[in-house]
Amino acid sequence: MFNCPPLAIIIRSHGRHSSAIWSHRSTTRILVPSAFSFLNTLRAHPPVPRRQASSTPLTANSPAPEPVDTPTTSGPASEALSSKTLPEDTSPQPALRVKQAIVLNETDLEESFVKGSGPGGQKINKCRHRVQLKHVPTGIMVESQRFRELAANRKEARKLLRLKLDEMINGDLSRRAQQISKEQKRKKRQAQKSKKKYGKCEVEEGEVDLEGNAARQEEGTRKESET
């Protein structure tokens, strides 16, 4: 009926006293009372089957999964842990500079026309083709008499004023500063190439000079020995 353990209890009577003997060969076996109680407990409270993970996808009508409790820490221990794992960076981050577009507002400009000076013939001294343009908010003033036409000089003056404002507002990001930096890099690369090219020639010339000096010294010693 039930599987008995390997060791059983055999009751033998010797007169008025009885003794319990452990045996493996006896055919008459009596279960320990604790085994009966264990079986009765299993019958009264059967084990709950383990839930398996469902492979079907969740839908709108499917019940929501039960929340899983995660262990959390609180108190000074958690504060110390968070301070060690994620230190706060209080240093100020450098702001990225963005080049600003220069727009001239005609209401901020003061323009005047005067007679030109310098080379260009008599007409440049008689006509008012020289343009003086002033930016009132910043006080920057430029002049232009490059061309004989007044319209061309006015256009040139505004171009010069825009470049001046670009240098003042954008600094290293201005157009002129970038052109200067580009030219400096080009000259540096050219100097490195020439140094690499002509450095070998100088070394070869030095070796030739050493060989010539050695030959001259040998010739001088030979002449001295002959005399």
C-alpha atoms as a PDB file:
ATOM      1  CA  MET A   1       0.000   0.000   0.000  1.00  0.00           C
ATOM      2  CA  PHE A   2       2.734   2.462   1.002  1.00  0.00           C
ATOM      3  CA  ASN A   3       6.414   2.413   0.347  1.00  0.00           C
ATOM      4  CA  CYS A   4       8.099   1.684   3.636  1.00  0.00           C
ATOM      5  CA  PRO A   5      11.475   3.149   4.575  1.00  0.00           C
ATOM      6  CA  PRO A   6      14.530   0.868   4.426  1.00  0.00           C
ATOM      7  CA  LEU A   7      14.625   0.648   8.194  1.00  0.00           C
ATOM      8  CA  ALA A   8      11.468  -0.690   9.863  1.00  0.00           C
ATOM      9  CA  ILE A   9      10.479  -1.484  13.384  1.00  0.00           C
ATOM     10  CA  ILE A  10       9.656  -5.064  14.348  1.00  0.00           C
ATOM     11  CA  ILE A  11       7.809  -5.650  17.611  1.00  0.00           C
ATOM     12  CA  ARG A  12       8.808  -8.751  19.416  1.00  0.00           C
ATOM     13  CA  SER A  13       7.411  -9.790  22.778  1.00  0.00           C
ATOM     14  CA  HIS A  14       9.643 -11.436  25.382  1.00  0.00           C
ATOM     15  CA  GLY A  15       7.442 -12.315  28.296  1.00  0.00           C
ATOM     16  CA  ARG A  16       5.872  -9.262  29.766  1.00  0.00           C
ATOM     17  CA  HIS A  17       8.284  -6.825  28.077  1.00  0.00           C
ATOM     18  CA  SER A  18       8.503  -5.825  24.422  1.00  0.00           C
ATOM     19  CA  SER A  19      11.459  -4.414  22.540  1.00  0.00           C
ATOM     20  CA  ALA A  20      11.911  -2.588  19.221  1.00  0.00           C
ATOM     21  CA  ILE A  21      14.535  -4.068  16.913  1.00  0.00           C
ATOM     22  CA  TRP A  22      15.789  -2.553  13.652  1.00  0.00           C
ATOM     23  CA  SER A  23      16.037  -5.112  10.881  1.00  0.00           C
ATOM     24  CA  HIS A  24      16.362  -5.253   7.110  1.00  0.00           C
ATOM     25  CA  ARG A  25      15.456  -8.938   6.633  1.00  0.00           C
ATOM     26  CA  SER A  26      12.156  -9.121   8.474  1.00  0.00           C
ATOM     27  CA  THR A  27       8.957  -9.377   6.438  1.00  0.00           C
ATOM     28  CA  THR A  28       6.706  -7.949   9.099  1.00  0.00           C
ATOM     29  CA  ARG A  29       7.101  -4.155   9.041  1.00  0.00           C
ATOM     30  CA  ILE A  30       5.248  -1.419  10.836  1.00  0.00           C
ATOM     31  CA  LEU A  31       5.352   2.177   9.622  1.00  0.00           C
ATOM     32  CA  VAL A  32       6.438   4.892  11.975  1.00  0.00           C
ATOM     33  CA  PRO A  33       3.438   6.988  13.113  1.00  0.00           C
ATOM     34  CA  SER A  34       5.123  10.179  11.818  1.00  0.00           C
ATOM     35  CA  ALA A  35       4.908   8.799   8.259  1.00  0.00           C
ATOM     36  CA  PHE A  36       1.118   8.401   8.578  1.00  0.00           C
ATOM     37  CA  SER A  37       0.787  11.985   9.798  1.00  0.00           C
ATOM     38  CA  PHE A  38       2.881  13.247   6.864  1.00  0.00           C
ATOM     39  CA  LEU A  39       0.681  11.392   4.360  1.00  0.00           C
ATOM     40  CA  ASN A  40      -2.492  12.692   5.988  1.00  0.00           C
ATOM     41  CA  THR A  41      -1.113  16.241   5.738  1.00  0.00           C
ATOM     42  CA  LEU A  42      -0.417  15.805   2.034  1.00  0.00           C
ATOM     43  CA  ARG A  43      -3.943  14.529   1.435  1.00  0.00           C
ATOM     44  CA  ALA A  44      -5.551  17.396   3.357  1.00  0.00           C
ATOM     45  CA  HIS A  45      -3.354  20.101   1.747  1.00  0.00           C
ATOM     46  CA  PRO A  46      -2.187  19.047  -1.715  1.00  0.00           C
ATOM     47  CA  PRO A  47       0.751  21.047  -3.163  1.00  0.00           C
ATOM     48  CA  VAL A  48      -0.100  23.953  -5.456  1.00  0.00           C
ATOM     49  CA  PRO A  49       1.218  23.429  -9.017  1.00  0.00           C
ATOM     50  CA  ARG A  50       3.898  25.887 -10.112  1.00  0.00           C
ATOM     51  CA  ARG A  51       2.736  28.555 -12.570  1.00  0.00           C
ATOM     52  CA  GLN A  52       4.442  28.412 -15.931  1.00  0.00           C
ATOM     53  CA  ALA A  53       5.312  31.445 -18.043  1.00  0.00           C
ATOM     54  CA  SER A  54       2.705  32.007 -20.718  1.00  0.00           C
ATOM     55  CA  SER A  55       3.923  32.394 -24.278  1.00  0.00           C
ATOM     56  CA  THR A  56       0.693  34.057 -25.453  1.00  0.00           C
ATOM     57  CA  PRO A  57       0.920  37.844 -25.909  1.00  0.00           C
ATOM     58  CA  LEU A  58      -1.019  40.122 -23.602  1.00  0.00           C
ATOM     59  CA  THR A  59      -4.195  41.661 -25.008  1.00  0.00           C
ATOM     60  CA  ALA A  60      -6.498  44.408 -23.842  1.00  0.00           C
ATOM     61  CA  ASN A  61      -8.867  41.854 -22.198  1.00  0.00           C
ATOM     62  CA  SER A  62      -6.121  39.840 -20.520  1.00  0.00           C
ATOM     63  CA  PRO A  63      -5.642  40.446 -16.775  1.00  0.00           C
ATOM     64  CA  ALA A  64      -2.770  42.660 -15.728  1.00  0.00           C
ATOM     65  CA  PRO A  65       0.281  40.863 -14.284  1.00  0.00           C
ATOM     66  CA  GLU A  66       0.788  40.977 -10.557  1.00  0.00           C
ATOM     67  CA  PRO A  67       3.339  43.555  -9.425  1.00  0.00           C
ATOM     68  CA  VAL A  68       6.661  42.187  -8.269  1.00  0.00           C
ATOM     69  CA  ASP A  69       8.040  43.569  -5.057  1.00  0.00           C
ATOM     70  CA  THR A  70      11.624  44.697  -5.430  1.00  0.00           C
ATOM     71  CA  PRO A  71      13.809  45.124  -2.377  1.00  0.00           C
ATOM     72  CA  THR A  72      14.564  48.737  -1.659  1.00  0.00           C
ATOM     73  CA  THR A  73      16.913  50.320   0.774  1.00  0.00           C
ATOM     74  CA  SER A  74      16.202  53.418   2.733  1.00  0.00           C
ATOM     75  CA  GLY A  75      17.964  55.466   5.294  1.00  0.00           C
ATOM     76  CA  PRO A  76      21.618  56.500   5.578  1.00  0.00           C
ATOM     77  CA  ALA A  77      22.815  53.292   3.897  1.00  0.00           C
ATOM     78  CA  SER A  78      20.930  54.061   0.677  1.00  0.00           C
ATOM     79  CA  GLU A  79      22.118  57.689   0.713  1.00  0.00           C
ATOM     80  CA  ALA A  80      25.720  56.574   1.099  1.00  0.00           C
ATOM     81  CA  LEU A  81      25.301  54.053  -1.718  1.00  0.00           C
ATOM     82  CA  SER A  82      23.782  56.597  -4.076  1.00  0.00           C
ATOM     83  CA  SER A  83      26.496  59.127  -3.258  1.00  0.00           C
ATOM     84  CA  LYS A  84      29.188  56.571  -4.075  1.00  0.00           C
ATOM     85  CA  THR A  85      27.676  55.192  -7.263  1.00  0.00           C
ATOM     86  CA  LEU A  86      26.379  58.457  -8.778  1.00  0.00           C
ATOM     87  CA  PRO A  87      28.471  61.441  -7.662  1.00  0.00           C
ATOM     88  CA  GLU A  88      26.956  64.791  -8.443  1.00  0.00           C
ATOM     89  CA  ASP A  89      28.869  66.916 -10.925  1.00  0.00           C
ATOM     90  CA  THR A  90      28.626  70.488  -9.704  1.00  0.00           C
ATOM     91  CA  SER A  91      31.259  71.909 -12.063  1.00  0.00           C
ATOM     92  CA  PRO A  92      29.841  74.401 -14.586  1.00  0.00           C
ATOM     93  CA  GLN A  93      29.645  73.063 -18.122  1.00  0.00           C
ATOM     94  CA  PRO A  94      31.191  75.238 -20.847  1.00  0.00           C
ATOM     95  CA  ALA A  95      28.552  76.764 -23.086  1.00  0.00           C
ATOM     96  CA  LEU A  96      28.840  76.106 -26.801  1.00  0.00           C
ATOM     97  CA  ARG A  97      29.464  79.233 -28.803  1.00  0.00           C
ATOM     98  CA  VAL A  98      27.313  79.768 -31.850  1.00  0.00           C
ATOM     99  CA  LYS A  99      28.236  82.149 -34.631  1.00  0.00           C
ATOM    100  CA  GLN A 100      25.754  84.992 -34.866  1.00  0.00           C
ATOM    101  CA  ALA A 101      24.564  86.315 -38.182  1.00  0.00           C
ATOM    102  CA  ILE A 102      25.344  89.984 -38.796  1.00  0.00           C
ATOM    103  CA  VAL A 103      22.378  91.993 -40.051  1.00  0.00           C
ATOM    104  CA  LEU A 104      22.707  95.715 -40.733  1.00  0.00           C
ATOM    105  CA  ASN A 105      19.764  97.906 -39.894  1.00  0.00           C
ATOM    106  CA  GLU A 106      19.651 101.059 -41.984  1.00  0.00           C
ATOM    107  CA  THR A 107      18.231 103.025 -39.048  1.00  0.00           C
ATOM    108  CA  ASP A 108      21.481 102.372 -37.123  1.00  0.00           C
ATOM    109  CA  LEU A 109      23.704 103.778 -39.879  1.00  0.00           C
ATOM    110  CA  GLU A 110      24.981 107.290 -40.527  1.00  0.00           C
ATOM    111  CA  GLU A 111      26.195 107.770 -44.091  1.00  0.00           C
ATOM    112  CA  SER A 112      28.011 110.741 -45.584  1.00  0.00           C
ATOM    113  CA  PHE A 113      29.690 111.458 -48.930  1.00  0.00           C
ATOM    114  CA  VAL A 114      32.894 113.483 -49.235  1.00  0.00           C
ATOM    115  CA  LYS A 115      35.488 114.219 -51.877  1.00  0.00           C
ATOM    116  CA  GLY A 116      38.090 111.583 -52.393  1.00  0.00           C
ATOM    117  CA  SER A 117      41.848 111.929 -52.045  1.00  0.00           C
ATOM    118  CA  GLY A 118      44.943 110.187 -53.337  1.00  0.00           C
ATOM    119  CA  PRO A 119      45.608 108.731 -56.784  1.00  0.00           C
ATOM    120  CA  GLY A 120      42.763 108.500 -59.262  1.00  0.00           C
ATOM    121  CA  GLY A 121      42.909 111.644 -61.374  1.00  0.00           C
ATOM    122  CA  GLN A 122      41.158 114.984 -61.025  1.00  0.00           C
ATOM    123  CA  LYS A 123      37.675 113.492 -60.924  1.00  0.00           C
ATOM    124  CA  ILE A 124      38.250 111.801 -57.565  1.00  0.00           C
ATOM    125  CA  ASN A 125      39.146 115.187 -56.051  1.00  0.00           C
ATOM    126  CA  LYS A 126      36.077 116.939 -57.495  1.00  0.00           C
ATOM    127  CA  CYS A 127      33.276 114.380 -57.042  1.00  0.00           C
ATOM    128  CA  ARG A 128      31.873 113.183 -53.738  1.00  0.00           C
ATOM    129  CA  HIS A 129      32.335 109.478 -54.351  1.00  0.00           C
ATOM    130  CA  ARG A 130      34.034 108.724 -51.030  1.00  0.00           C
ATOM    131  CA  VAL A 131      31.589 107.055 -48.601  1.00  0.00           C
ATOM    132  CA  GLN A 132      31.866 107.320 -44.812  1.00  0.00           C
ATOM    133  CA  LEU A 133      29.614 104.865 -42.967  1.00  0.00           C
ATOM    134  CA  LYS A 134      29.180 104.830 -39.180  1.00  0.00           C
ATOM    135  CA  HIS A 135      27.399 102.243 -37.028  1.00  0.00           C
ATOM    136  CA  VAL A 136      25.782 104.295 -34.267  1.00  0.00           C
ATOM    137  CA  PRO A 137      25.261 101.569 -31.576  1.00  0.00           C
ATOM    138  CA  THR A 138      28.924 100.479 -31.634  1.00  0.00           C
ATOM    139  CA  GLY A 139      30.635 103.615 -32.981  1.00  0.00           C
ATOM    140  CA  ILE A 140      32.468 101.685 -35.719  1.00  0.00           C
ATOM    141  CA  MET A 141      33.208 103.794 -38.806  1.00  0.00           C
ATOM    142  CA  VAL A 142      34.475 102.682 -42.222  1.00  0.00           C
ATOM    143  CA  GLU A 143      35.339 104.472 -45.468  1.00  0.00           C
ATOM    144  CA  SER A 144      35.349 103.370 -49.083  1.00  0.00           C
ATOM    145  CA  GLN A 145      36.651 105.094 -52.231  1.00  0.00           C
ATOM    146  CA  ARG A 146      37.821 102.024 -54.105  1.00  0.00           C
ATOM    147  CA  PHE A 147      35.534 102.544 -57.076  1.00  0.00           C
ATOM    148  CA  ARG A 148      34.631 105.568 -59.185  1.00  0.00           C
ATOM    149  CA  GLU A 149      30.907 104.862 -58.877  1.00  0.00           C
ATOM    150  CA  LEU A 150      29.115 105.993 -55.732  1.00  0.00           C
ATOM    151  CA  ALA A 151      26.815 102.944 -55.634  1.00  0.00           C
ATOM    152  CA  ALA A 152      29.774 100.559 -55.697  1.00  0.00           C
ATOM    153  CA  ASN A 153      31.490 102.457 -52.868  1.00  0.00           C
ATOM    154  CA  ARG A 154      28.306 102.365 -50.764  1.00  0.00           C
ATOM    155  CA  LYS A 155      28.071  98.608 -51.240  1.00  0.00           C
ATOM    156  CA  GLU A 156      31.748  98.186 -50.376  1.00  0.00           C
ATOM    157  CA  ALA A 157      31.367 100.313 -47.221  1.00  0.00           C
ATOM    158  CA  ARG A 158      28.549  98.121 -45.935  1.00  0.00           C
ATOM    159  CA  LYS A 159      30.598  95.018 -46.638  1.00  0.00           C
ATOM    160  CA  LEU A 160      33.523  96.408 -44.627  1.00  0.00           C
ATOM    161  CA  LEU A 161      31.222  97.399 -41.766  1.00  0.00           C
ATOM    162  CA  ARG A 162      29.716  93.914 -41.694  1.00  0.00           C
ATOM    163  CA  LEU A 163      33.195  92.373 -41.414  1.00  0.00           C
ATOM    164  CA  LYS A 164      34.098  94.735 -38.554  1.00  0.00           C
ATOM    165  CA  LEU A 165      30.949  93.835 -36.638  1.00  0.00           C
ATOM    166  CA  ASP A 166      31.580  90.139 -37.271  1.00  0.00           C
ATOM    167  CA  GLU A 167      35.051  90.423 -35.723  1.00  0.00           C
ATOM    168  CA  MET A 168      33.729  92.298 -32.701  1.00  0.00           C
ATOM    169  CA  ILE A 169      30.737  90.016 -31.986  1.00  0.00           C
ATOM    170  CA  ASN A 170      31.938  86.543 -33.015  1.00  0.00           C
ATOM    171  CA  GLY A 171      35.640  86.840 -32.251  1.00  0.00           C
ATOM    172  CA  ASP A 172      37.435  83.595 -33.163  1.00  0.00           C
ATOM    173  CA  LEU A 173      34.382  82.402 -35.064  1.00  0.00           C
ATOM    174  CA  SER A 174      34.381  85.403 -37.369  1.00  0.00           C
ATOM    175  CA  ARG A 175      35.109  85.038 -41.052  1.00  0.00           C
ATOM    176  CA  ARG A 176      38.385  86.939 -40.941  1.00  0.00           C
ATOM    177  CA  ALA A 177      39.644  84.985 -37.900  1.00  0.00           C
ATOM    178  CA  GLN A 178      38.888  81.700 -39.643  1.00  0.00           C
ATOM    179  CA  GLN A 179      40.697  82.853 -42.780  1.00  0.00           C
ATOM    180  CA  ILE A 180      43.753  83.831 -40.721  1.00  0.00           C
ATOM    181  CA  SER A 181      43.734  80.482 -38.892  1.00  0.00           C
ATOM    182  CA  LYS A 182      43.428  78.606 -42.176  1.00  0.00           C
ATOM    183  CA  GLU A 183      46.339  80.534 -43.674  1.00  0.00           C
ATOM    184  CA  GLN A 184      48.505  79.867 -40.617  1.00  0.00           C
ATOM    185  CA  LYS A 185      47.805  76.134 -40.821  1.00  0.00           C
ATOM    186  CA  ARG A 186      48.654  76.146 -44.532  1.00  0.00           C
ATOM    187  CA  LYS A 187      51.992  77.881 -43.912  1.00  0.00           C
ATOM    188  CA  LYS A 188      52.777  75.471 -41.075  1.00  0.00           C
ATOM    189  CA  ARG A 189      52.153  72.447 -43.281  1.00  0.00           C
ATOM    190  CA  GLN A 190      54.271  73.966 -46.045  1.00  0.00           C
ATOM    191  CA  ALA A 191      57.129  74.614 -43.613  1.00  0.00           C
ATOM    192  CA  GLN A 192      56.989  71.034 -42.345  1.00  0.00           C
ATOM    193  CA  LYS A 193      57.079  69.670 -45.894  1.00  0.00           C
ATOM    194  CA  SER A 194      60.037  71.861 -46.860  1.00  0.00           C
ATOM    195  CA  LYS A 195      61.882  70.945 -43.662  1.00  0.00           C
ATOM    196  CA  LYS A 196      61.319  67.266 -44.322  1.00  0.00           C
ATOM    197  CA  LYS A 197      62.422  67.640 -47.942  1.00  0.00           C
ATOM    198  CA  TYR A 198      65.489  69.860 -47.530  1.00  0.00           C
ATOM    199  CA  GLY A 199      66.563  68.352 -44.223  1.00  0.00           C
ATOM    200  CA  LYS A 200      67.633  65.199 -46.042  1.00  0.00           C
ATOM    201  CA  CYS A 201      69.584  67.277 -48.553  1.00  0.00           C
ATOM    202  CA  GLU A 202      71.439  69.057 -45.749  1.00  0.00           C
ATOM    203  CA  VAL A 203      72.345  65.720 -44.168  1.00  0.00           C
ATOM    204  CA  GLU A 204      73.636  64.405 -47.499  1.00  0.00           C
ATOM    205  CA  GLU A 205      75.662  67.585 -48.066  1.00  0.00           C
ATOM    206  CA  GLY A 206      77.140  67.227 -44.581  1.00  0.00           C
ATOM    207  CA  GLU A 207      78.197  63.661 -45.308  1.00  0.00           C
ATOM    208  CA  VAL A 208      79.818  64.773 -48.585  1.00  0.00           C
ATOM    209  CA  ASP A 209      81.700  67.551 -46.781  1.00  0.00           C
ATOM    210  CA  LEU A 210      83.015  65.088 -44.203  1.00  0.00           C
ATOM    211  CA  GLU A 211      84.240  62.761 -46.946  1.00  0.00           C
ATOM    212  CA  GLY A 212      85.930  65.680 -48.750  1.00  0.00           C
ATOM    213  CA  ASN A 213      87.640  66.852 -45.562  1.00  0.00           C
ATOM    214  CA  ALA A 214      88.913  63.345 -44.872  1.00  0.00           C
ATOM    215  CA  ALA A 215      90.270  63.079 -48.437  1.00  0.00           C
ATOM    216  CA  ARG A 216      92.023  66.449 -48.150  1.00  0.00           C
ATOM    217  CA  GLN A 217      93.580  65.497 -44.845  1.00  0.00           C
ATOM    218  CA  GLU A 218      94.902  62.243 -46.316  1.00  0.00           C
ATOM    219  CA  GLU A 219      96.366  64.108 -49.288  1.00  0.00           C
ATOM    220  CA  GLY A 220      98.053  66.635 -46.988  1.00  0.00           C
ATOM    221  CA  THR A 221      99.610  63.933 -44.825  1.00  0.00           C
ATOM    222  CA  ARG A 222     100.856  62.116 -47.954  1.00  0.00           C
ATOM    223  CA  LYS A 223     102.555  65.273 -49.284  1.00  0.00           C
ATOM    224  CA  GLU A 224     104.211  65.908 -45.931  1.00  0.00           C
ATOM    225  CA  SER A 225     105.555  62.374 -45.837  1.00  0.00           C
ATOM    226  CA  GLU A 226     107.002  62.726 -49.369  1.00  0.00           C
ATOM    227  CA  THR A 227     108.833  65.935 -48.515  1.00  0.00           C
END
